Amino acid sequence: MKTVYIVRHGETLLNLLNRSQGWADSPLTSKGTRQAEELGEKLQEQAITFDAAFSSDTGRARQTARLILDHSGNESLPIKELFNLREASFGLFEGADNDVMWEEGGKAAGELGMSRKSSIDLKIKALTGIKNLDSIDYAEDFQDLKKRILALKETLLNTNASNILIVTHSLYICCMLYVLISEDLTIGKVPNCSVTKLNVNEGHFELDYIGRTEEL
């Protein structure tokens, strides 16, 4: 059996400003740094160790992963950065107000009144709208993201590690659960530096919990 601890990166400057942040990046705030350090300390208190660590290749995920490992007794463990763990690209909406992006993307997909709090099934529809509105041809829809998630799935199944840390992004985590666990999940986002835990048995992914910040 494999256990996968999926962590959303700590709070960033663009999170604080309620700006969209897919392939765009911004540094952790002082609060975000603290969140990552405290999560590492909680992991150590609960005697959770890792034999593999993967992060998105964005700075905010890399920084979060390093802080978690350094504060959990896993400081010697290297981090493997993966493009497949990046957040969805929002194209010309990168850096835009989050609520405006989801409202406009939803409207273009025939779903009115959407916001950053909308559920994942609606956001998946809105990604199509965002891609259709994107004049610079960088935005990704759900099918683009799904390809990367399925590639990650193969990476996880093929690693010999049994206790795995992943640091990635909120929408990516919601889409990952939608693809690997169930399309019935209505989660729309997970908190910064929260943990979502999956167990892998004979190639089958099972959900333990979503978005915890305390008992892990």
C-alpha atoms as a PDB file:
ATOM      1  CA  MET A   1       0.000   0.000   0.000  1.00  0.00           C
ATOM      2  CA  LYS A   2       1.077   3.556  -0.692  1.00  0.00           C
ATOM      3  CA  THR A   3       0.021   6.642   1.221  1.00  0.00           C
ATOM      4  CA  VAL A   4      -0.045  10.003  -0.550  1.00  0.00           C
ATOM      5  CA  TYR A   5      -0.207  13.282   1.371  1.00  0.00           C
ATOM      6  CA  ILE A   6      -1.278  16.053  -1.012  1.00  0.00           C
ATOM      7  CA  VAL A   7      -0.626  19.585   0.253  1.00  0.00           C
ATOM      8  CA  ARG A   8      -1.723  22.897  -1.206  1.00  0.00           C
ATOM      9  CA  HIS A   9       1.077  25.474  -1.089  1.00  0.00           C
ATOM     10  CA  GLY A  10       1.107  28.148   1.623  1.00  0.00           C
ATOM     11  CA  GLU A  11      -0.553  31.532   1.237  1.00  0.00           C
ATOM     12  CA  THR A  12       0.990  33.722  -1.466  1.00  0.00           C
ATOM     13  CA  LEU A  13       0.857  37.409  -2.307  1.00  0.00           C
ATOM     14  CA  LEU A  14      -1.608  36.809  -5.151  1.00  0.00           C
ATOM     15  CA  ASN A  15      -3.785  34.672  -2.831  1.00  0.00           C
ATOM     16  CA  LEU A  16      -3.860  37.607  -0.424  1.00  0.00           C
ATOM     17  CA  LEU A  17      -4.938  39.936  -3.242  1.00  0.00           C
ATOM     18  CA  ASN A  18      -7.604  37.450  -4.496  1.00  0.00           C
ATOM     19  CA  ARG A  19      -5.851  37.260  -7.857  1.00  0.00           C
ATOM     20  CA  SER A  20      -5.852  34.199 -10.093  1.00  0.00           C
ATOM     21  CA  GLN A  21      -2.596  32.276 -10.041  1.00  0.00           C
ATOM     22  CA  GLY A  22      -2.147  29.355 -12.381  1.00  0.00           C
ATOM     23  CA  TRP A  23       1.151  29.303 -14.235  1.00  0.00           C
ATOM     24  CA  ALA A  24       1.831  32.798 -12.887  1.00  0.00           C
ATOM     25  CA  ASP A  25       3.701  32.720  -9.592  1.00  0.00           C
ATOM     26  CA  SER A  26       4.160  34.854  -6.502  1.00  0.00           C
ATOM     27  CA  PRO A  27       6.135  34.335  -3.285  1.00  0.00           C
ATOM     28  CA  LEU A  28       4.775  32.990  -0.037  1.00  0.00           C
ATOM     29  CA  THR A  29       3.649  35.650   2.401  1.00  0.00           C
ATOM     30  CA  SER A  30       5.003  35.599   5.959  1.00  0.00           C
ATOM     31  CA  LYS A  31       1.781  33.788   6.876  1.00  0.00           C
ATOM     32  CA  GLY A  32       2.347  31.257   4.086  1.00  0.00           C
ATOM     33  CA  THR A  33       5.874  30.574   5.297  1.00  0.00           C
ATOM     34  CA  ARG A  34       4.566  30.060   8.825  1.00  0.00           C
ATOM     35  CA  GLN A  35       1.840  27.716   7.565  1.00  0.00           C
ATOM     36  CA  ALA A  36       4.410  25.485   5.852  1.00  0.00           C
ATOM     37  CA  GLU A  37       6.719  25.442   8.878  1.00  0.00           C
ATOM     38  CA  GLU A  38       3.847  24.634  11.230  1.00  0.00           C
ATOM     39  CA  LEU A  39       2.605  21.844   8.982  1.00  0.00           C
ATOM     40  CA  GLY A  40       6.083  20.339   9.007  1.00  0.00           C
ATOM     41  CA  GLU A  41       6.136  20.474  12.792  1.00  0.00           C
ATOM     42  CA  LYS A  42       2.712  18.780  12.993  1.00  0.00           C
ATOM     43  CA  LEU A  43       3.916  16.013  10.700  1.00  0.00           C
ATOM     44  CA  GLN A  44       6.924  15.455  12.925  1.00  0.00           C
ATOM     45  CA  GLU A  45       4.762  15.455  16.073  1.00  0.00           C
ATOM     46  CA  GLN A  46       2.586  12.781  14.476  1.00  0.00           C
ATOM     47  CA  ALA A  47       5.659  10.776  13.372  1.00  0.00           C
ATOM     48  CA  ILE A  48       4.805  11.048   9.670  1.00  0.00           C
ATOM     49  CA  THR A  49       7.859  10.653   7.450  1.00  0.00           C
ATOM     50  CA  PHE A  50       8.292  10.427   3.675  1.00  0.00           C
ATOM     51  CA  ASP A  51      10.427   8.410   1.306  1.00  0.00           C
ATOM     52  CA  ALA A  52       9.541  10.520  -1.766  1.00  0.00           C
ATOM     53  CA  ALA A  53       8.587  14.157  -2.281  1.00  0.00           C
ATOM     54  CA  PHE A  54       7.123  15.719  -5.429  1.00  0.00           C
ATOM     55  CA  SER A  55       6.166  19.331  -6.020  1.00  0.00           C
ATOM     56  CA  SER A  56       4.859  21.489  -8.803  1.00  0.00           C
ATOM     57  CA  ASP A  57       7.692  23.299 -10.574  1.00  0.00           C
ATOM     58  CA  THR A  58       6.363  26.684  -9.405  1.00  0.00           C
ATOM     59  CA  GLY A  59       8.294  28.624  -6.783  1.00  0.00           C
ATOM     60  CA  ARG A  60       5.417  28.738  -4.307  1.00  0.00           C
ATOM     61  CA  ALA A  61       5.058  24.949  -4.312  1.00  0.00           C
ATOM     62  CA  ARG A  62       8.824  24.332  -4.211  1.00  0.00           C
ATOM     63  CA  GLN A  63       9.257  26.716  -1.271  1.00  0.00           C
ATOM     64  CA  THR A  64       6.357  25.128   0.618  1.00  0.00           C
ATOM     65  CA  ALA A  65       7.696  21.611   0.055  1.00  0.00           C
ATOM     66  CA  ARG A  66      11.180  22.538   1.254  1.00  0.00           C
ATOM     67  CA  LEU A  67       9.856  24.184   4.416  1.00  0.00           C
ATOM     68  CA  ILE A  68       7.635  21.190   5.194  1.00  0.00           C
ATOM     69  CA  LEU A  69      10.496  18.735   4.784  1.00  0.00           C
ATOM     70  CA  ASP A  70      12.958  20.870   6.751  1.00  0.00           C
ATOM     71  CA  HIS A  71      10.563  21.152   9.702  1.00  0.00           C
ATOM     72  CA  SER A  72       9.334  17.554   9.756  1.00  0.00           C
ATOM     73  CA  GLY A  73      12.631  15.696  10.126  1.00  0.00           C
ATOM     74  CA  ASN A  74      12.799  14.987   6.385  1.00  0.00           C
ATOM     75  CA  GLU A  75      15.387  17.644   5.560  1.00  0.00           C
ATOM     76  CA  SER A  76      17.664  15.257   3.627  1.00  0.00           C
ATOM     77  CA  LEU A  77      14.887  14.160   1.246  1.00  0.00           C
ATOM     78  CA  PRO A  78      15.220  15.668  -2.256  1.00  0.00           C
ATOM     79  CA  ILE A  79      12.234  17.199  -4.023  1.00  0.00           C
ATOM     80  CA  LYS A  80      11.369  16.092  -7.542  1.00  0.00           C
ATOM     81  CA  GLU A  81       9.696  18.965  -9.378  1.00  0.00           C
ATOM     82  CA  LEU A  82       7.052  18.008 -11.926  1.00  0.00           C
ATOM     83  CA  PHE A  83       5.429  20.121 -14.630  1.00  0.00           C
ATOM     84  CA  ASN A  84       2.465  17.743 -14.389  1.00  0.00           C
ATOM     85  CA  LEU A  85       1.733  19.109 -10.882  1.00  0.00           C
ATOM     86  CA  ARG A  86       1.345  22.708 -12.065  1.00  0.00           C
ATOM     87  CA  GLU A  87      -1.928  24.513 -11.531  1.00  0.00           C
ATOM     88  CA  ALA A  88      -4.147  24.978 -14.584  1.00  0.00           C
ATOM     89  CA  SER A  89      -3.045  27.803 -16.838  1.00  0.00           C
ATOM     90  CA  PHE A  90      -5.610  30.607 -16.994  1.00  0.00           C
ATOM     91  CA  GLY A  91      -4.096  32.351 -20.033  1.00  0.00           C
ATOM     92  CA  LEU A  92      -4.991  36.038 -20.263  1.00  0.00           C
ATOM     93  CA  PHE A  93      -6.839  35.739 -16.927  1.00  0.00           C
ATOM     94  CA  GLU A  94      -3.569  35.164 -15.036  1.00  0.00           C
ATOM     95  CA  GLY A  95      -3.433  37.800 -12.294  1.00  0.00           C
ATOM     96  CA  ALA A  96      -7.077  38.798 -12.784  1.00  0.00           C
ATOM     97  CA  ASP A  97      -9.551  39.073  -9.922  1.00  0.00           C
ATOM     98  CA  ASN A  98     -10.537  35.486  -9.068  1.00  0.00           C
ATOM     99  CA  ASP A  99     -14.263  36.144  -8.923  1.00  0.00           C
ATOM    100  CA  VAL A 100     -14.217  38.036 -12.225  1.00  0.00           C
ATOM    101  CA  MET A 101     -12.337  35.190 -13.923  1.00  0.00           C
ATOM    102  CA  TRP A 102     -14.757  32.496 -12.763  1.00  0.00           C
ATOM    103  CA  GLU A 103     -17.802  34.659 -13.500  1.00  0.00           C
ATOM    104  CA  GLU A 104     -16.607  35.419 -17.048  1.00  0.00           C
ATOM    105  CA  GLY A 105     -15.469  31.846 -17.669  1.00  0.00           C
ATOM    106  CA  GLY A 106     -18.759  30.489 -16.357  1.00  0.00           C
ATOM    107  CA  LYS A 107     -20.789  32.917 -18.453  1.00  0.00           C
ATOM    108  CA  ALA A 108     -18.881  31.853 -21.598  1.00  0.00           C
ATOM    109  CA  ALA A 109     -19.737  28.229 -20.755  1.00  0.00           C
ATOM    110  CA  GLY A 110     -23.405  28.952 -20.053  1.00  0.00           C
ATOM    111  CA  GLU A 111     -23.151  28.970 -16.227  1.00  0.00           C
ATOM    112  CA  LEU A 112     -24.142  32.273 -14.651  1.00  0.00           C
ATOM    113  CA  GLY A 113     -23.232  33.617 -11.227  1.00  0.00           C
ATOM    114  CA  MET A 114     -20.006  31.676 -10.682  1.00  0.00           C
ATOM    115  CA  SER A 115     -17.257  32.732  -8.249  1.00  0.00           C
ATOM    116  CA  ARG A 116     -14.103  31.337  -6.642  1.00  0.00           C
ATOM    117  CA  LYS A 117     -16.411  29.491  -4.201  1.00  0.00           C
ATOM    118  CA  SER A 118     -18.216  27.501  -6.908  1.00  0.00           C
ATOM    119  CA  SER A 119     -17.954  23.700  -6.851  1.00  0.00           C
ATOM    120  CA  ILE A 120     -15.493  21.748  -8.973  1.00  0.00           C
ATOM    121  CA  ASP A 121     -18.084  20.476 -11.466  1.00  0.00           C
ATOM    122  CA  LEU A 122     -18.977  24.072 -12.331  1.00  0.00           C
ATOM    123  CA  LYS A 123     -15.335  25.171 -12.409  1.00  0.00           C
ATOM    124  CA  ILE A 124     -14.581  22.368 -14.864  1.00  0.00           C
ATOM    125  CA  LYS A 125     -17.224  23.846 -17.174  1.00  0.00           C
ATOM    126  CA  ALA A 126     -15.843  27.349 -16.618  1.00  0.00           C
ATOM    127  CA  LEU A 127     -12.340  26.224 -17.633  1.00  0.00           C
ATOM    128  CA  THR A 128     -13.747  25.592 -21.109  1.00  0.00           C
ATOM    129  CA  GLY A 129     -15.140  29.125 -21.123  1.00  0.00           C
ATOM    130  CA  ILE A 130     -11.815  30.554 -19.943  1.00  0.00           C
ATOM    131  CA  LYS A 131      -9.980  28.686 -22.709  1.00  0.00           C
ATOM    132  CA  ASN A 132     -12.453  29.890 -25.326  1.00  0.00           C
ATOM    133  CA  LEU A 133     -11.991  33.503 -24.173  1.00  0.00           C
ATOM    134  CA  ASP A 134      -8.192  33.243 -24.073  1.00  0.00           C
ATOM    135  CA  SER A 135      -6.715  35.215 -26.977  1.00  0.00           C
ATOM    136  CA  ILE A 136      -3.081  34.325 -26.156  1.00  0.00           C
ATOM    137  CA  ASP A 137      -3.650  30.551 -26.445  1.00  0.00           C
ATOM    138  CA  TYR A 138      -2.191  29.600 -23.052  1.00  0.00           C
ATOM    139  CA  ALA A 139      -5.292  28.631 -21.061  1.00  0.00           C
ATOM    140  CA  GLU A 140      -5.967  24.978 -20.242  1.00  0.00           C
ATOM    141  CA  ASP A 141      -9.354  23.315 -20.051  1.00  0.00           C
ATOM    142  CA  PHE A 142     -10.234  20.263 -17.967  1.00  0.00           C
ATOM    143  CA  GLN A 143      -9.120  17.800 -20.645  1.00  0.00           C
ATOM    144  CA  ASP A 144      -5.654  19.413 -20.706  1.00  0.00           C
ATOM    145  CA  LEU A 145      -5.454  19.171 -16.940  1.00  0.00           C
ATOM    146  CA  LYS A 146      -6.775  15.605 -16.932  1.00  0.00           C
ATOM    147  CA  LYS A 147      -3.926  14.485 -19.203  1.00  0.00           C
ATOM    148  CA  ARG A 148      -1.407  15.819 -16.697  1.00  0.00           C
ATOM    149  CA  ILE A 149      -3.263  14.208 -13.778  1.00  0.00           C
ATOM    150  CA  LEU A 150      -3.271  10.816 -15.509  1.00  0.00           C
ATOM    151  CA  ALA A 151       0.464  11.176 -16.194  1.00  0.00           C
ATOM    152  CA  LEU A 152       0.974  11.907 -12.488  1.00  0.00           C
ATOM    153  CA  LYS A 153      -1.089   8.825 -11.654  1.00  0.00           C
ATOM    154  CA  GLU A 154       1.376   6.677 -13.600  1.00  0.00           C
ATOM    155  CA  THR A 155       4.304   8.335 -11.818  1.00  0.00           C
ATOM    156  CA  LEU A 156       2.769   7.498  -8.434  1.00  0.00           C
ATOM    157  CA  LEU A 157       1.930   3.925  -9.393  1.00  0.00           C
ATOM    158  CA  ASN A 158       5.438   3.307 -10.722  1.00  0.00           C
ATOM    159  CA  THR A 159       7.414   4.743  -7.807  1.00  0.00           C
ATOM    160  CA  ASN A 160       8.781   2.355  -5.208  1.00  0.00           C
ATOM    161  CA  ALA A 161       8.062   4.849  -2.420  1.00  0.00           C
ATOM    162  CA  SER A 162       5.334   4.035   0.089  1.00  0.00           C
ATOM    163  CA  ASN A 163       4.918   7.365   1.934  1.00  0.00           C
ATOM    164  CA  ILE A 164       4.711  10.221  -0.548  1.00  0.00           C
ATOM    165  CA  LEU A 165       4.479  14.012  -0.125  1.00  0.00           C
ATOM    166  CA  ILE A 166       2.989  16.054  -2.977  1.00  0.00           C
ATOM    167  CA  VAL A 167       2.823  19.856  -2.939  1.00  0.00           C
ATOM    168  CA  THR A 168       0.599  21.390  -5.594  1.00  0.00           C
ATOM    169  CA  HIS A 169      -2.359  23.769  -6.056  1.00  0.00           C
ATOM    170  CA  SER A 170      -6.003  24.118  -5.032  1.00  0.00           C
ATOM    171  CA  LEU A 171      -7.819  23.665  -8.359  1.00  0.00           C
ATOM    172  CA  TYR A 172      -5.383  20.921  -9.354  1.00  0.00           C
ATOM    173  CA  ILE A 173      -6.154  19.010  -6.128  1.00  0.00           C
ATOM    174  CA  CYS A 174      -9.915  19.319  -6.719  1.00  0.00           C
ATOM    175  CA  CYS A 175      -9.527  18.091 -10.309  1.00  0.00           C
ATOM    176  CA  MET A 176      -7.204  15.307  -9.168  1.00  0.00           C
ATOM    177  CA  LEU A 177      -9.878  14.036  -6.765  1.00  0.00           C
ATOM    178  CA  TYR A 178     -12.516  14.373  -9.498  1.00  0.00           C
ATOM    179  CA  VAL A 179     -10.402  12.228 -11.864  1.00  0.00           C
ATOM    180  CA  LEU A 180      -8.962   9.671  -9.430  1.00  0.00           C
ATOM    181  CA  ILE A 181     -11.728   9.345  -6.809  1.00  0.00           C
ATOM    182  CA  SER A 182     -15.215  10.456  -7.865  1.00  0.00           C
ATOM    183  CA  GLU A 183     -17.034  12.948 -10.064  1.00  0.00           C
ATOM    184  CA  ASP A 184     -19.606  13.304  -7.267  1.00  0.00           C
ATOM    185  CA  LEU A 185     -17.288  15.371  -5.069  1.00  0.00           C
ATOM    186  CA  THR A 186     -18.593  18.928  -4.731  1.00  0.00           C
ATOM    187  CA  ILE A 187     -15.466  20.467  -3.197  1.00  0.00           C
ATOM    188  CA  GLY A 188     -14.472  23.777  -4.799  1.00  0.00           C
ATOM    189  CA  LYS A 189     -11.154  24.580  -3.118  1.00  0.00           C
ATOM    190  CA  VAL A 190      -8.882  23.469  -0.299  1.00  0.00           C
ATOM    191  CA  PRO A 191      -7.191  25.751   2.278  1.00  0.00           C
ATOM    192  CA  ASN A 192      -3.587  26.823   1.993  1.00  0.00           C
ATOM    193  CA  CYS A 193      -1.213  24.258   3.508  1.00  0.00           C
ATOM    194  CA  SER A 194      -4.028  21.790   4.119  1.00  0.00           C
ATOM    195  CA  VAL A 195      -3.504  18.055   3.644  1.00  0.00           C
ATOM    196  CA  THR A 196      -5.567  15.702   1.498  1.00  0.00           C
ATOM    197  CA  LYS A 197      -4.723  12.042   2.048  1.00  0.00           C
ATOM    198  CA  LEU A 198      -5.055   9.200  -0.457  1.00  0.00           C
ATOM    199  CA  ASN A 199      -4.292   5.520  -0.039  1.00  0.00           C
ATOM    200  CA  VAL A 200      -3.269   3.440  -3.045  1.00  0.00           C
ATOM    201  CA  ASN A 201      -4.114  -0.271  -2.994  1.00  0.00           C
ATOM    202  CA  GLU A 202      -3.329  -2.477  -5.987  1.00  0.00           C
ATOM    203  CA  GLY A 203      -3.457   0.491  -8.345  1.00  0.00           C
ATOM    204  CA  HIS A 204      -6.727   1.825  -6.907  1.00  0.00           C
ATOM    205  CA  PHE A 205      -6.838   5.278  -5.297  1.00  0.00           C
ATOM    206  CA  GLU A 206      -8.954   5.634  -2.148  1.00  0.00           C
ATOM    207  CA  LEU A 207      -9.799   8.895  -0.385  1.00  0.00           C
ATOM    208  CA  ASP A 208      -9.018   9.132   3.328  1.00  0.00           C
ATOM    209  CA  TYR A 209      -9.758  12.842   3.929  1.00  0.00           C
ATOM    210  CA  ILE A 210      -9.753  16.276   2.244  1.00  0.00           C
ATOM    211  CA  GLY A 211      -8.202  19.575   3.298  1.00  0.00           C
ATOM    212  CA  ARG A 212      -7.197  18.923   6.899  1.00  0.00           C
ATOM    213  CA  THR A 213      -4.921  21.290   8.822  1.00  0.00           C
ATOM    214  CA  GLU A 214      -4.848  19.557  12.220  1.00  0.00           C
ATOM    215  CA  GLU A 215      -5.043  15.793  12.855  1.00  0.00           C
ATOM    216  CA  LEU A 216      -3.294  14.182   9.900  1.00  0.00           C
END
